[in-house]
Amino acid sequence: MAQTFRKKQRRPNTRRTFYGATRAAWMSARAHNALRRPVFIGAVSILAFATALVALIAVPQQAEREARIAEAGLDIEIDTAPYANALQVARRGLVAADSALIAARLLVAQARAVVPDSVAPAADAARNALANRILALGDLIDRAENAPLPISYRALAESPEIRGDGRVIALVDTLGAVERERDAFGAVGGVDPIFVALTSRVNEVGRAIQAIAQQRRAALQAELAALVPAAPIARVAMVQVDTGALIVSRQEAQIVYDSTASALQRVRASAVDLERRRNAIQEETGDSASPLALLAAALVIGAALGFASAFVDELRRPRLADPAEAERVTGLRVLGTIRGHRTSGDRSRRAVDRALPPYVDPYNDGYQLAYLHLATASQGMLAATVTGDEPSVAAVVAVNLAAVSAEEARNTIVLDADASSCDVAATLHVHAEPGVVDLIDESATWAETTQTVPIGRSSTVDVVASGTAAPLPSAEELSSFLRAAGQRLERNYDTIITVASEEHVRAGLPTSMPMPLVVCCARLGHTRVDVLRALLEAVRASGGQPVGLVVWADDHPSLPTPEELASRTKRPQRTSEHRVPAGAN
């Protein structure tokens, strides 16, 4: 018999399933969950946008700019400080040579002497001497008038006629200080307002010295006029001083100063040209790419990385995306989906309905369907434990299940076994103490801890809050308390709803209730699949009976804090020695 060989066909990727869903549906649900995290996406996007902006604009342009500057040979630095210092030294040498020449010329002028004849009278000699003094002082005044320079003013101040005047001494000191300050500004180059002001100050001081000299010359002239004139019989002897060497020295200093100034000017021109060429290269590199285009690219990269980060995190640890997926991944029925509170116009006219807390809505279809499933899962009395990864969601669901039960004319009680959050009291706007913790401590009775809350016209719900006394009870203490109070609760109530944390449920708290039914609450886009599956496995392992899921498809409930509920007087904190085991009496 001939054997036939059939090629094994590979299963197409589109038919591969994840928890019973196709790959396309699974990936679509993950993308939808990623978009539910705008804060995380925004934070990552802003960080990625800033990084991309620096990487796309600042770093490449800076690297390209430095490369082109190095290639053009413009990566050198020109220091003009040595040239400026040399110019200052040359200026000082020129001033010193000019001062020496002027001093020599003044010496020649002062060396004039009137040698009287042997037959000239003494009066003529005094008159001639006074005339020479007036002449010498007049030459210095004319010198300062024609050449208003510090050296001319200083030479006038050093004349014998006014040298001993105190005013002249003070003015000479001021002239020196102002000249030194002006020389410091003159080293910078260019026109500076402070330099101009200092120059004006030098001229003012010089004019003051000149005014004193003119006063002295007028006094000498008056004295000369008082003398009796005599026939000028005299010989004028001139003292010969060679100023040629001083003139040559001044010319050499002038040449050094001019050459140094020219060198400084050339260096500054080179530095300006170098900076201009660098700026041209920077402008060329800046125009290589449009800043608007780079900004748009950075925005796109930031948004893409933000979404990609949320999507990768969602793929690593997926969250519930919709009620159908919750049923697929857990194998439990979704008892109800809570999609928000919608107020009916007919019920808003009732004062009782308007007085209900915001999150109490017994007419919501999700709560009514969930209660209907619970009622059909039990015969007669209904006892269930409500838990979830978010205590506030579990408290709101438990309170509304109890409200629906009360509307069905059943005696209903809600026990808050999660003393770490006190969310049942926050949902119903009642006091958080005394409560279950006080019952376990035997510091309060059932009558003191049970609070009756109106739900409708004639329906009420009994509530036992969690209490706030410390330390909080453990799972063993809660289990012992609920097991001891089970008969009392069965005798007085038709529906018992207990709110417990995930830790207490994992430890087997539902088994201490009259019925081990457990309702797990999950929030779409928040509850992780692996955490929910692990919780259900732990509940089954501890003896509990998961009856279904209640899916929260709304925003996180915003419940008031215990301080905002105007709680009663604070109770003192207790130590572990005050704990009395339940059932001890």
Protein backbone atom coordinates (compact mmCIF):
# COMPACT_ATOMS: atom_id res chain seq x y z
CA MET A 1 0.00 0.00 0.00
CA ALA A 2 1.49 3.25 -1.04
CA GLN A 3 2.04 5.75 1.66
CA THR A 4 1.02 9.32 1.09
CA PHE A 5 2.93 12.12 2.68
CA ARG A 6 1.13 15.36 3.38
CA LYS A 7 3.07 18.48 4.14
CA LYS A 8 2.31 19.73 7.61
CA GLN A 9 0.90 23.21 7.36
CA ARG A 10 2.00 25.78 9.86
CA ARG A 11 -0.71 27.39 11.84
CA PRO A 12 -1.06 31.03 10.75
CA ASN A 13 -0.09 33.66 13.28
CA THR A 14 -3.52 35.22 13.16
CA ARG A 15 -5.01 32.10 14.71
CA ARG A 16 -2.69 31.95 17.72
CA THR A 17 -4.60 32.84 20.86
CA PHE A 18 -3.77 34.55 24.15
CA TYR A 19 -6.18 33.52 26.92
CA GLY A 20 -8.67 32.60 24.22
CA ALA A 21 -8.24 35.80 22.14
CA THR A 22 -6.49 36.19 18.82
CA ARG A 23 -3.19 38.01 18.62
CA ALA A 24 -4.79 41.00 16.91
CA ALA A 25 -7.44 41.31 19.62
CA TRP A 26 -4.86 40.85 22.36
CA MET A 27 -2.52 43.51 20.93
CA SER A 28 -5.44 45.88 20.38
CA ALA A 29 -6.46 45.50 24.02
CA ARG A 30 -2.87 46.18 25.16
CA ALA A 31 -2.67 49.32 23.04
CA HIS A 32 -6.00 50.52 24.44
CA ASN A 33 -4.75 49.99 27.99
CA ALA A 34 -1.54 51.85 27.20
CA LEU A 35 -3.55 54.86 26.07
CA ARG A 36 -5.35 54.84 29.43
CA ARG A 37 -2.14 56.03 31.11
CA PRO A 38 -1.81 59.65 29.91
CA VAL A 39 0.24 60.77 32.91
CA PHE A 40 2.88 58.07 32.40
CA ILE A 41 2.95 58.66 28.65
CA GLY A 42 3.23 62.42 29.17
CA ALA A 43 6.13 62.10 31.62
CA VAL A 44 8.10 59.77 29.38
CA SER A 45 7.28 61.88 26.31
CA ILE A 46 8.54 65.09 27.93
CA LEU A 47 11.78 63.42 28.99
CA ALA A 48 12.27 61.87 25.56
CA PHE A 49 11.41 65.16 23.86
CA ALA A 50 14.04 67.05 25.85
CA THR A 51 16.65 64.37 25.16
CA ALA A 52 15.83 64.25 21.45
CA LEU A 53 15.87 68.03 21.21
CA VAL A 54 19.37 68.15 22.65
CA ALA A 55 20.52 65.22 20.51
CA LEU A 56 19.07 66.57 17.27
CA ILE A 57 19.82 70.27 17.58
CA ALA A 58 22.50 71.16 20.10
CA VAL A 59 24.98 68.28 19.89
CA PRO A 60 25.18 67.80 16.06
CA GLN A 61 25.41 71.51 15.31
CA GLN A 62 28.04 72.05 17.97
CA ALA A 63 30.11 69.11 16.70
CA GLU A 64 29.81 70.26 13.07
CA ARG A 65 30.67 73.83 14.04
CA GLU A 66 33.80 72.76 15.93
CA ALA A 67 34.86 70.50 13.03
CA ARG A 68 34.52 73.27 10.46
CA ILE A 69 36.33 75.79 12.67
CA ALA A 70 39.22 73.36 13.13
CA GLU A 71 39.28 72.59 9.40
CA ALA A 72 39.46 76.31 8.52
CA GLY A 73 42.27 76.87 11.03
CA LEU A 74 40.16 79.18 13.16
CA ASP A 75 40.57 77.24 16.39
CA ILE A 76 43.22 79.63 17.71
CA GLU A 77 42.89 82.30 20.33
CA ILE A 78 44.39 85.78 19.87
CA ASP A 79 45.46 87.45 23.12
CA THR A 80 45.73 91.24 22.90
CA ALA A 81 46.73 91.72 26.53
CA PRO A 82 50.55 91.65 25.92
CA TYR A 83 50.24 94.26 23.17
CA ALA A 84 48.08 96.48 25.38
CA ASN A 85 50.61 96.22 28.20
CA ALA A 86 53.47 97.06 25.81
CA LEU A 87 51.54 100.10 24.55
CA GLN A 88 51.07 101.29 28.12
CA VAL A 89 54.83 100.96 28.78
CA ALA A 90 55.62 102.85 25.56
CA ARG A 91 53.21 105.62 26.54
CA ARG A 92 54.93 105.98 29.88
CA GLY A 93 58.35 106.19 28.19
CA LEU A 94 57.08 108.86 25.81
CA VAL A 95 55.64 110.87 28.68
CA ALA A 96 58.94 110.59 30.57
CA ALA A 97 60.99 111.77 27.55
CA ASP A 98 58.61 114.66 26.93
CA SER A 99 58.81 115.67 30.57
CA ALA A 100 62.62 115.61 30.52
CA LEU A 101 62.72 117.80 27.41
CA ILE A 102 60.28 120.33 28.85
CA ALA A 103 62.23 120.40 32.12
CA ALA A 104 65.46 121.16 30.20
CA ARG A 105 63.82 123.94 28.31
CA LEU A 106 62.46 125.40 31.55
CA LEU A 107 65.95 125.19 32.99
CA VAL A 108 67.24 127.23 30.09
CA ALA A 109 64.55 129.81 30.67
CA GLN A 110 65.25 130.00 34.39
CA ALA A 111 69.04 130.20 33.82
CA ARG A 112 68.75 133.66 32.37
CA ALA A 113 70.51 136.03 34.71
CA VAL A 114 70.84 139.74 34.67
CA VAL A 115 74.37 140.60 35.48
CA PRO A 116 74.34 144.25 36.64
CA ASP A 117 77.06 146.65 35.65
CA SER A 118 79.41 147.81 38.34
CA VAL A 119 78.10 151.30 38.07
CA ALA A 120 74.35 150.26 38.15
CA PRO A 121 72.57 151.09 41.34
CA ALA A 122 71.09 148.46 43.66
CA ALA A 123 67.52 149.51 42.76
CA ASP A 124 68.09 148.68 39.14
CA ALA A 125 69.42 145.27 40.11
CA ALA A 126 66.29 144.48 42.14
CA ARG A 127 64.03 145.68 39.36
CA ASN A 128 65.85 143.56 36.80
CA ALA A 129 65.67 140.48 39.02
CA LEU A 130 61.94 140.96 39.56
CA ALA A 131 61.44 141.49 35.83
CA ASN A 132 63.26 138.21 35.12
CA ARG A 133 61.01 136.37 37.58
CA ILE A 134 57.91 137.82 35.94
CA LEU A 135 59.31 136.86 32.52
CA ALA A 136 60.05 133.26 33.58
CA LEU A 137 56.61 132.85 35.15
CA GLY A 138 54.98 134.36 32.06
CA ASP A 139 56.79 131.85 29.82
CA LEU A 140 55.44 128.95 31.90
CA ILE A 141 51.92 130.39 31.84
CA ASP A 142 52.11 130.81 28.05
CA ARG A 143 53.42 127.24 27.76
CA ALA A 144 50.45 125.90 29.73
CA GLU A 145 48.08 128.05 27.68
CA ASN A 146 49.43 126.85 24.33
CA ALA A 147 49.99 123.20 25.31
CA PRO A 148 47.33 122.17 27.88
CA LEU A 149 49.05 118.95 28.91
CA PRO A 150 49.72 117.48 32.36
CA ILE A 151 53.46 117.97 31.88
CA SER A 152 52.93 121.72 31.19
CA TYR A 153 50.73 122.09 34.27
CA ARG A 154 53.25 120.20 36.38
CA ALA A 155 56.14 122.37 35.12
CA LEU A 156 54.13 125.50 35.96
CA ALA A 157 53.43 124.15 39.46
CA GLU A 158 57.19 123.48 39.97
CA SER A 159 58.10 127.12 39.28
CA PRO A 160 59.79 128.86 42.26
CA GLU A 161 57.10 131.53 42.37
CA ILE A 162 54.17 129.24 43.28
CA ARG A 163 55.89 126.03 44.34
CA GLY A 164 55.47 126.73 48.01
CA ASP A 165 51.76 127.59 47.79
CA GLY A 166 49.62 125.03 49.65
CA ARG A 167 46.88 125.23 47.06
CA VAL A 168 49.33 124.35 44.32
CA ILE A 169 50.64 121.35 46.27
CA ALA A 170 47.09 119.95 46.68
CA LEU A 171 46.31 120.55 43.02
CA VAL A 172 49.52 118.77 41.93
CA ASP A 173 48.57 115.72 44.03
CA THR A 174 45.08 115.71 42.50
CA LEU A 175 46.59 116.06 39.01
CA GLY A 176 48.83 113.03 39.57
CA ALA A 177 45.98 110.85 40.87
CA VAL A 178 43.67 111.76 37.98
CA GLU A 179 46.46 111.21 35.44
CA ARG A 180 47.21 107.74 36.80
CA GLU A 181 43.54 106.77 36.66
CA ARG A 182 43.26 108.10 33.12
CA ASP A 183 46.34 106.14 32.01
CA ALA A 184 44.70 102.94 33.30
CA PHE A 185 41.62 103.57 31.13
CA GLY A 186 43.74 104.63 28.18
CA ALA A 187 45.25 101.10 27.96
CA VAL A 188 41.91 99.64 26.89
CA GLY A 189 41.71 101.65 23.65
CA GLY A 190 38.79 103.29 21.97
CA VAL A 191 36.62 106.17 23.17
CA ASP A 192 35.51 105.67 26.73
CA PRO A 193 33.21 108.09 28.60
CA ILE A 194 35.20 107.73 31.80
CA PHE A 195 38.45 108.51 29.95
CA VAL A 196 36.91 111.67 28.52
CA ALA A 197 35.67 112.71 31.96
CA LEU A 198 39.13 112.18 33.47
CA THR A 199 40.70 114.28 30.69
CA SER A 200 38.27 117.09 31.48
CA ARG A 201 39.21 116.79 35.14
CA VAL A 202 42.94 117.12 34.25
CA ASN A 203 42.21 120.32 32.32
CA GLU A 204 40.21 121.74 35.22
CA VAL A 205 43.08 121.11 37.66
CA GLY A 206 45.55 122.67 35.17
CA ARG A 207 43.43 125.76 34.76
CA ALA A 208 43.26 126.11 38.54
CA ILE A 209 47.10 126.00 38.73
CA GLN A 210 47.27 128.48 35.86
CA ALA A 211 44.88 130.85 37.67
CA ILE A 212 47.09 130.78 40.80
CA ALA A 213 50.15 131.51 38.63
CA GLN A 214 48.41 134.42 36.96
CA GLN A 215 47.52 135.84 40.37
CA ARG A 216 51.17 135.51 41.42
CA ARG A 217 52.35 137.18 38.20
CA ALA A 218 49.91 140.06 38.78
CA ALA A 219 51.29 140.47 42.30
CA LEU A 220 54.86 140.52 40.99
CA GLN A 221 53.93 143.05 38.32
CA ALA A 222 52.40 145.28 40.98
CA GLU A 223 55.59 144.98 43.00
CA LEU A 224 57.67 145.81 39.93
CA ALA A 225 55.57 148.86 39.25
CA ALA A 226 56.24 150.12 42.77
CA LEU A 227 59.99 150.17 42.21
CA VAL A 228 61.62 153.39 40.90
CA PRO A 229 62.75 152.78 37.31
CA ALA A 230 66.42 153.22 36.53
CA ALA A 231 68.46 153.16 33.43
CA PRO A 232 68.93 149.54 32.44
CA ILE A 233 72.61 149.20 32.38
CA ALA A 234 73.17 145.45 32.34
CA ARG A 235 74.57 142.50 30.46
CA VAL A 236 72.48 139.45 29.84
CA ALA A 237 74.36 136.20 30.30
CA MET A 238 72.68 133.08 28.79
CA VAL A 239 73.29 129.65 30.19
CA GLN A 240 73.78 127.22 27.32
CA VAL A 241 72.05 123.79 27.76
CA ASP A 242 72.28 121.08 25.04
CA THR A 243 68.76 119.63 24.47
CA GLY A 244 69.69 117.66 21.35
CA ALA A 245 70.10 114.36 23.17
CA LEU A 246 66.74 114.83 24.90
CA ILE A 247 65.03 115.55 21.57
CA VAL A 248 66.53 112.39 20.06
CA SER A 249 65.38 110.37 23.09
CA ARG A 250 61.85 111.75 22.72
CA GLN A 251 61.78 110.91 19.01
CA GLU A 252 62.86 107.34 19.76
CA ALA A 253 60.13 107.01 22.42
CA GLN A 254 57.61 108.38 19.91
CA ILE A 255 58.71 105.77 17.34
CA VAL A 256 58.36 102.95 19.89
CA TYR A 257 54.92 104.19 20.90
CA ASP A 258 53.72 104.45 17.29
CA SER A 259 55.00 100.98 16.37
CA THR A 260 53.42 99.41 19.47
CA ALA A 261 50.09 101.14 18.77
CA SER A 262 50.20 99.91 15.16
CA ALA A 263 50.92 96.35 16.30
CA LEU A 264 48.02 96.45 18.77
CA GLN A 265 45.73 97.77 16.06
CA ARG A 266 46.76 94.96 13.69
CA VAL A 267 46.21 92.29 16.36
CA ARG A 268 42.78 93.68 17.19
CA ALA A 269 41.87 93.72 13.51
CA SER A 270 42.97 90.07 13.23
CA ALA A 271 40.85 89.12 16.25
CA VAL A 272 37.80 90.88 14.78
CA ASP A 273 38.30 89.15 11.43
CA LEU A 274 38.70 85.77 13.17
CA GLU A 275 35.49 86.29 15.14
CA ARG A 276 33.67 87.36 11.99
CA ARG A 277 34.71 84.19 10.17
CA ARG A 278 33.66 82.06 13.15
CA ASN A 279 30.25 83.73 13.20
CA ALA A 280 29.87 83.07 9.51
CA ILE A 281 30.57 79.37 10.08
CA GLN A 282 28.09 79.28 12.95
CA GLU A 283 25.42 80.86 10.77
CA GLU A 284 26.07 78.32 8.03
CA THR A 285 25.85 75.38 10.42
CA GLY A 286 22.74 76.86 12.04
CA ASP A 287 21.01 76.94 8.66
CA SER A 288 21.75 73.28 7.91
CA ALA A 289 18.39 72.14 9.29
CA SER A 290 15.15 73.94 10.02
CA PRO A 291 14.62 74.42 13.78
CA LEU A 292 10.89 73.90 13.27
CA ALA A 293 11.52 70.58 11.54
CA LEU A 294 13.89 69.45 14.29
CA LEU A 295 11.34 70.52 16.91
CA ALA A 296 8.61 68.53 15.17
CA ALA A 297 10.92 65.52 14.96
CA ALA A 298 11.66 65.76 18.68
CA LEU A 299 7.93 65.96 19.42
CA VAL A 300 7.24 62.87 17.32
CA ILE A 301 10.09 60.96 18.93
CA GLY A 302 8.91 61.94 22.41
CA ALA A 303 5.30 60.91 21.75
CA ALA A 304 6.40 57.64 20.15
CA LEU A 305 8.72 56.74 23.01
CA GLY A 306 6.07 57.66 25.59
CA PHE A 307 3.49 55.38 24.00
CA ALA A 308 6.10 52.67 23.37
CA SER A 309 7.13 52.68 27.04
CA ALA A 310 3.53 52.31 28.19
CA PHE A 311 2.90 49.63 25.56
CA VAL A 312 6.00 47.61 26.51
CA ASP A 313 5.05 47.80 30.19
CA GLU A 314 1.56 46.64 29.24
CA LEU A 315 2.99 43.68 27.29
CA ARG A 316 5.25 42.68 30.19
CA ARG A 317 2.46 42.75 32.77
CA PRO A 318 -0.89 43.15 31.01
CA ARG A 319 -3.90 44.76 32.64
CA LEU A 320 -7.57 44.05 32.11
CA ALA A 321 -8.87 45.82 29.04
CA ASP A 322 -12.59 44.95 28.97
CA PRO A 323 -15.14 42.68 30.71
CA ALA A 324 -14.84 39.99 28.02
CA GLU A 325 -11.11 39.75 28.60
CA ALA A 326 -11.70 39.53 32.35
CA GLU A 327 -13.90 36.49 31.78
CA ARG A 328 -11.33 34.90 29.45
CA VAL A 329 -8.30 35.29 31.70
CA THR A 330 -10.04 34.24 34.93
CA GLY A 331 -12.71 31.78 33.79
CA LEU A 332 -15.25 33.54 36.02
CA ARG A 333 -18.43 35.31 35.06
CA VAL A 334 -18.55 39.10 35.13
CA LEU A 335 -21.45 39.79 37.49
CA GLY A 336 -21.74 43.45 36.53
CA THR A 337 -19.92 46.33 34.90
CA ILE A 338 -19.97 49.70 36.69
CA ARG A 339 -19.81 52.55 34.19
CA GLY A 340 -20.63 55.62 36.21
CA HIS A 341 -23.41 57.24 38.18
CA ARG A 342 -26.33 58.64 36.18
CA THR A 343 -29.05 60.45 38.09
CA SER A 344 -32.64 59.92 37.02
CA GLY A 345 -34.93 62.96 36.83
CA ASP A 346 -37.75 61.21 38.69
CA ARG A 347 -35.55 60.19 41.58
CA SER A 348 -33.76 63.52 41.87
CA ARG A 349 -36.99 65.07 43.18
CA ARG A 350 -36.88 62.93 46.31
CA ALA A 351 -35.09 64.41 49.27
CA VAL A 352 -33.95 60.92 50.36
CA ASP A 353 -32.34 60.26 46.97
CA ARG A 354 -30.66 63.65 46.95
CA ALA A 355 -29.25 63.00 50.43
CA LEU A 356 -27.50 59.81 49.30
CA PRO A 357 -23.68 59.96 49.10
CA PRO A 358 -22.30 60.41 45.58
CA TYR A 359 -21.16 56.81 45.07
CA VAL A 360 -24.31 55.15 46.45
CA ASP A 361 -26.46 54.23 43.42
CA PRO A 362 -28.65 51.17 44.03
CA TYR A 363 -30.45 51.77 40.73
CA ASN A 364 -27.33 51.26 38.62
CA ASP A 365 -27.75 48.36 36.22
CA GLY A 366 -24.29 46.99 37.01
CA TYR A 367 -24.98 46.70 40.73
CA GLN A 368 -28.42 45.21 40.17
CA LEU A 369 -27.07 42.56 37.79
CA ALA A 370 -24.30 41.70 40.21
CA TYR A 371 -26.78 41.31 43.08
CA LEU A 372 -29.04 39.19 40.91
CA HIS A 373 -26.17 36.78 40.17
CA LEU A 374 -25.30 36.62 43.89
CA ALA A 375 -28.92 35.98 44.87
CA THR A 376 -29.21 33.11 42.40
CA ALA A 377 -25.89 31.63 43.63
CA SER A 378 -27.21 31.26 47.20
CA GLN A 379 -30.34 29.86 48.71
CA GLY A 380 -32.08 31.88 51.38
CA MET A 381 -29.52 33.92 53.27
CA LEU A 382 -26.78 35.69 51.28
CA ALA A 383 -23.29 36.12 52.70
CA ALA A 384 -20.40 37.27 50.50
CA THR A 385 -16.95 38.77 50.90
CA VAL A 386 -15.98 41.61 48.54
CA THR A 387 -12.31 42.26 47.85
CA GLY A 388 -10.06 43.78 45.20
CA ASP A 389 -6.70 45.34 44.49
CA GLU A 390 -8.18 48.81 45.14
CA PRO A 391 -9.90 49.02 48.56
CA SER A 392 -11.97 52.06 47.60
CA VAL A 393 -13.49 50.25 44.59
CA ALA A 394 -14.27 47.18 46.71
CA ALA A 395 -15.92 49.35 49.39
CA VAL A 396 -18.12 51.19 46.85
CA VAL A 397 -19.19 47.89 45.21
CA ALA A 398 -19.98 46.28 48.57
CA VAL A 399 -22.04 49.26 49.75
CA ASN A 400 -24.09 49.30 46.53
CA LEU A 401 -24.70 45.54 46.64
CA ALA A 402 -26.00 46.01 50.18
CA ALA A 403 -28.14 48.95 49.01
CA VAL A 404 -29.73 46.81 46.26
CA SER A 405 -30.37 44.07 48.82
CA ALA A 406 -32.04 46.61 51.12
CA GLU A 407 -34.24 47.76 48.24
CA GLU A 408 -35.35 44.12 47.95
CA ALA A 409 -36.71 44.35 51.53
CA ARG A 410 -33.93 42.24 53.04
CA ASN A 411 -32.26 42.94 56.36
CA THR A 412 -28.75 43.84 55.28
CA ILE A 413 -25.51 44.56 57.10
CA VAL A 414 -22.12 45.68 55.81
CA LEU A 415 -19.01 44.75 57.79
CA ASP A 416 -15.78 46.63 57.04
CA ALA A 417 -12.94 44.27 57.95
CA ASP A 418 -10.31 46.45 56.26
CA ALA A 419 -9.27 48.81 59.05
CA SER A 420 -6.29 50.10 57.07
CA SER A 421 -8.47 52.18 54.70
CA CYS A 422 -11.89 52.84 56.36
CA ASP A 423 -13.39 53.16 52.85
CA VAL A 424 -16.88 51.90 53.79
CA ALA A 425 -17.33 54.78 56.23
CA ALA A 426 -15.96 57.18 53.60
CA THR A 427 -18.39 55.86 50.98
CA LEU A 428 -21.45 56.23 53.22
CA HIS A 429 -20.23 59.42 54.97
CA VAL A 430 -20.53 57.88 58.43
CA HIS A 431 -18.12 57.76 61.36
CA ALA A 432 -15.23 55.31 61.05
CA GLU A 433 -15.29 54.46 64.76
CA PRO A 434 -16.27 52.60 66.80
CA GLY A 435 -16.17 49.56 64.54
CA VAL A 436 -14.94 46.03 64.03
CA VAL A 437 -11.61 46.77 65.74
CA ASP A 438 -13.49 47.91 68.86
CA LEU A 439 -15.67 44.79 68.80
CA ILE A 440 -12.58 42.60 68.68
CA ASP A 441 -11.07 44.59 71.55
CA GLU A 442 -14.42 44.27 73.40
CA SER A 443 -14.26 48.03 74.04
CA ALA A 444 -17.68 48.54 72.37
CA THR A 445 -20.88 46.56 71.91
CA TRP A 446 -22.81 45.72 68.77
CA ALA A 447 -25.38 48.38 69.61
CA GLU A 448 -22.66 51.01 69.83
CA THR A 449 -20.90 50.06 66.61
CA THR A 450 -23.90 49.40 64.37
CA GLN A 451 -24.98 52.47 62.39
CA THR A 452 -28.21 52.55 60.39
CA VAL A 453 -27.97 54.38 57.07
CA PRO A 454 -31.11 55.20 55.02
CA ILE A 455 -30.95 54.09 51.40
CA GLY A 456 -34.41 54.86 50.12
CA ARG A 457 -37.85 55.84 51.36
CA SER A 458 -38.24 52.85 53.65
CA SER A 459 -35.00 50.87 53.22
CA THR A 460 -31.97 51.06 55.45
CA VAL A 461 -28.64 49.31 55.72
CA ASP A 462 -26.83 48.51 58.96
CA VAL A 463 -23.14 49.34 58.81
CA VAL A 464 -20.31 48.31 61.11
CA ALA A 465 -17.32 50.43 60.21
CA SER A 466 -13.75 49.25 60.51
CA GLY A 467 -12.66 51.37 63.46
CA THR A 468 -9.35 53.19 63.76
CA ALA A 469 -7.83 51.84 66.99
CA ALA A 470 -4.27 50.51 66.78
CA PRO A 471 -2.82 47.98 66.38
CA LEU A 472 -4.94 46.67 63.50
CA PRO A 473 -6.28 43.13 63.87
CA SER A 474 -4.64 40.26 62.04
CA ALA A 475 -6.38 37.82 59.71
CA GLU A 476 -6.58 35.18 62.48
CA GLU A 477 -8.26 37.61 64.88
CA LEU A 478 -10.76 38.71 62.21
CA SER A 479 -11.54 35.11 61.30
CA SER A 480 -12.10 34.17 64.94
CA PHE A 481 -14.32 37.22 65.46
CA LEU A 482 -16.47 36.57 62.36
CA ARG A 483 -16.76 32.86 63.20
CA ALA A 484 -17.95 33.71 66.73
CA ALA A 485 -20.38 36.35 65.44
CA GLY A 486 -21.73 34.16 62.63
CA GLN A 487 -24.77 32.85 64.49
CA ARG A 488 -25.74 36.34 65.66
CA LEU A 489 -25.49 37.69 62.10
CA GLU A 490 -27.48 34.76 60.61
CA ARG A 491 -30.22 35.26 63.18
CA ASN A 492 -30.65 39.02 62.55
CA TYR A 493 -29.82 39.57 58.87
CA ASP A 494 -30.72 38.16 55.47
CA THR A 495 -27.72 39.61 53.64
CA ILE A 496 -24.19 39.94 55.05
CA ILE A 497 -21.64 41.81 52.96
CA THR A 498 -18.07 41.86 54.25
CA VAL A 499 -15.33 44.07 52.83
CA ALA A 500 -11.85 42.59 53.28
CA SER A 501 -8.38 43.25 51.96
CA GLU A 502 -6.59 40.89 49.60
CA GLU A 503 -4.21 39.77 52.37
CA HIS A 504 -7.09 38.71 54.64
CA VAL A 505 -8.87 36.97 51.78
CA ARG A 506 -5.71 35.06 50.87
CA ALA A 507 -5.42 34.00 54.53
CA GLY A 508 -8.87 32.34 54.42
CA LEU A 509 -11.14 35.01 55.90
CA PRO A 510 -14.17 34.04 53.69
CA THR A 511 -14.25 30.56 55.21
CA SER A 512 -15.20 32.07 58.61
CA MET A 513 -18.36 33.56 57.10
CA PRO A 514 -21.67 31.65 56.92
CA MET A 515 -21.05 31.29 53.15
CA PRO A 516 -17.53 31.35 51.60
CA LEU A 517 -18.63 33.34 48.54
CA VAL A 518 -16.05 35.83 47.25
CA VAL A 519 -16.68 38.68 44.81
CA CYS A 520 -13.51 40.10 43.27
CA CYS A 521 -13.48 43.68 42.02
CA ALA A 522 -11.26 44.67 39.13
CA ARG A 523 -10.68 48.05 37.53
CA LEU A 524 -10.22 48.19 33.77
CA GLY A 525 -6.84 49.48 32.70
CA HIS A 526 -5.45 49.15 36.22
CA THR A 527 -5.84 45.61 37.61
CA ARG A 528 -3.05 43.36 36.34
CA VAL A 529 -3.95 39.97 34.94
CA ASP A 530 -1.31 38.01 36.86
CA VAL A 531 -2.27 39.63 40.17
CA LEU A 532 -5.96 38.84 39.66
CA ARG A 533 -5.27 35.22 38.67
CA ALA A 534 -2.96 34.77 41.66
CA LEU A 535 -5.66 36.15 43.98
CA LEU A 536 -8.28 33.76 42.65
CA GLU A 537 -5.92 30.79 43.00
CA ALA A 538 -5.14 31.79 46.59
CA VAL A 539 -8.86 32.13 47.38
CA ARG A 540 -9.57 28.64 46.04
CA ALA A 541 -6.56 27.22 47.89
CA SER A 542 -7.75 28.72 51.21
CA GLY A 543 -11.24 27.25 50.85
CA GLY A 544 -13.07 30.25 49.44
CA GLN A 545 -15.48 30.12 46.51
CA PRO A 546 -15.00 32.85 43.87
CA VAL A 547 -18.46 33.50 42.52
CA GLY A 548 -17.66 36.18 39.96
CA LEU A 549 -16.14 39.53 39.07
CA VAL A 550 -17.43 43.08 39.28
CA VAL A 551 -15.66 45.22 36.70
CA TRP A 552 -15.16 48.93 37.46
CA ALA A 553 -15.08 50.84 34.14
CA ASP A 554 -15.05 54.36 35.63
CA ASP A 555 -12.48 56.71 37.15
CA HIS A 556 -11.00 55.92 40.53
CA PRO A 557 -13.54 56.83 43.23
CA SER A 558 -12.61 59.98 45.10
CA LEU A 559 -13.60 59.25 48.70
CA PRO A 560 -13.20 61.69 51.60
CA THR A 561 -10.59 61.05 54.25
CA PRO A 562 -11.56 60.11 57.81
CA GLU A 563 -10.59 63.61 58.96
CA GLU A 564 -13.08 65.11 56.52
CA LEU A 565 -15.98 63.05 57.86
CA ALA A 566 -16.19 64.96 61.17
CA SER A 567 -15.39 61.83 63.11
CA ARG A 568 -16.12 61.49 66.78
CA THR A 569 -13.59 62.02 69.58
CA LYS A 570 -10.27 60.35 68.95
CA ARG A 571 -9.66 57.16 70.75
CA PRO A 572 -6.30 56.53 72.42
CA GLN A 573 -4.05 54.11 70.65
CA ARG A 574 -3.78 50.71 72.23
CA THR A 575 -0.86 48.37 72.49
CA SER A 576 -0.89 44.68 71.77
CA GLU A 577 -1.39 43.90 75.51
CA HIS A 578 -4.89 45.39 75.33
CA ARG A 579 -5.99 42.98 72.61
CA VAL A 580 -8.60 40.49 73.90
CA PRO A 581 -8.98 37.37 71.75
CA ALA A 582 -12.43 37.02 70.20
CA GLY A 583 -14.60 34.39 71.90
CA ALA A 584 -12.61 34.49 75.14
CA ASN A 585 -15.80 35.07 77.13
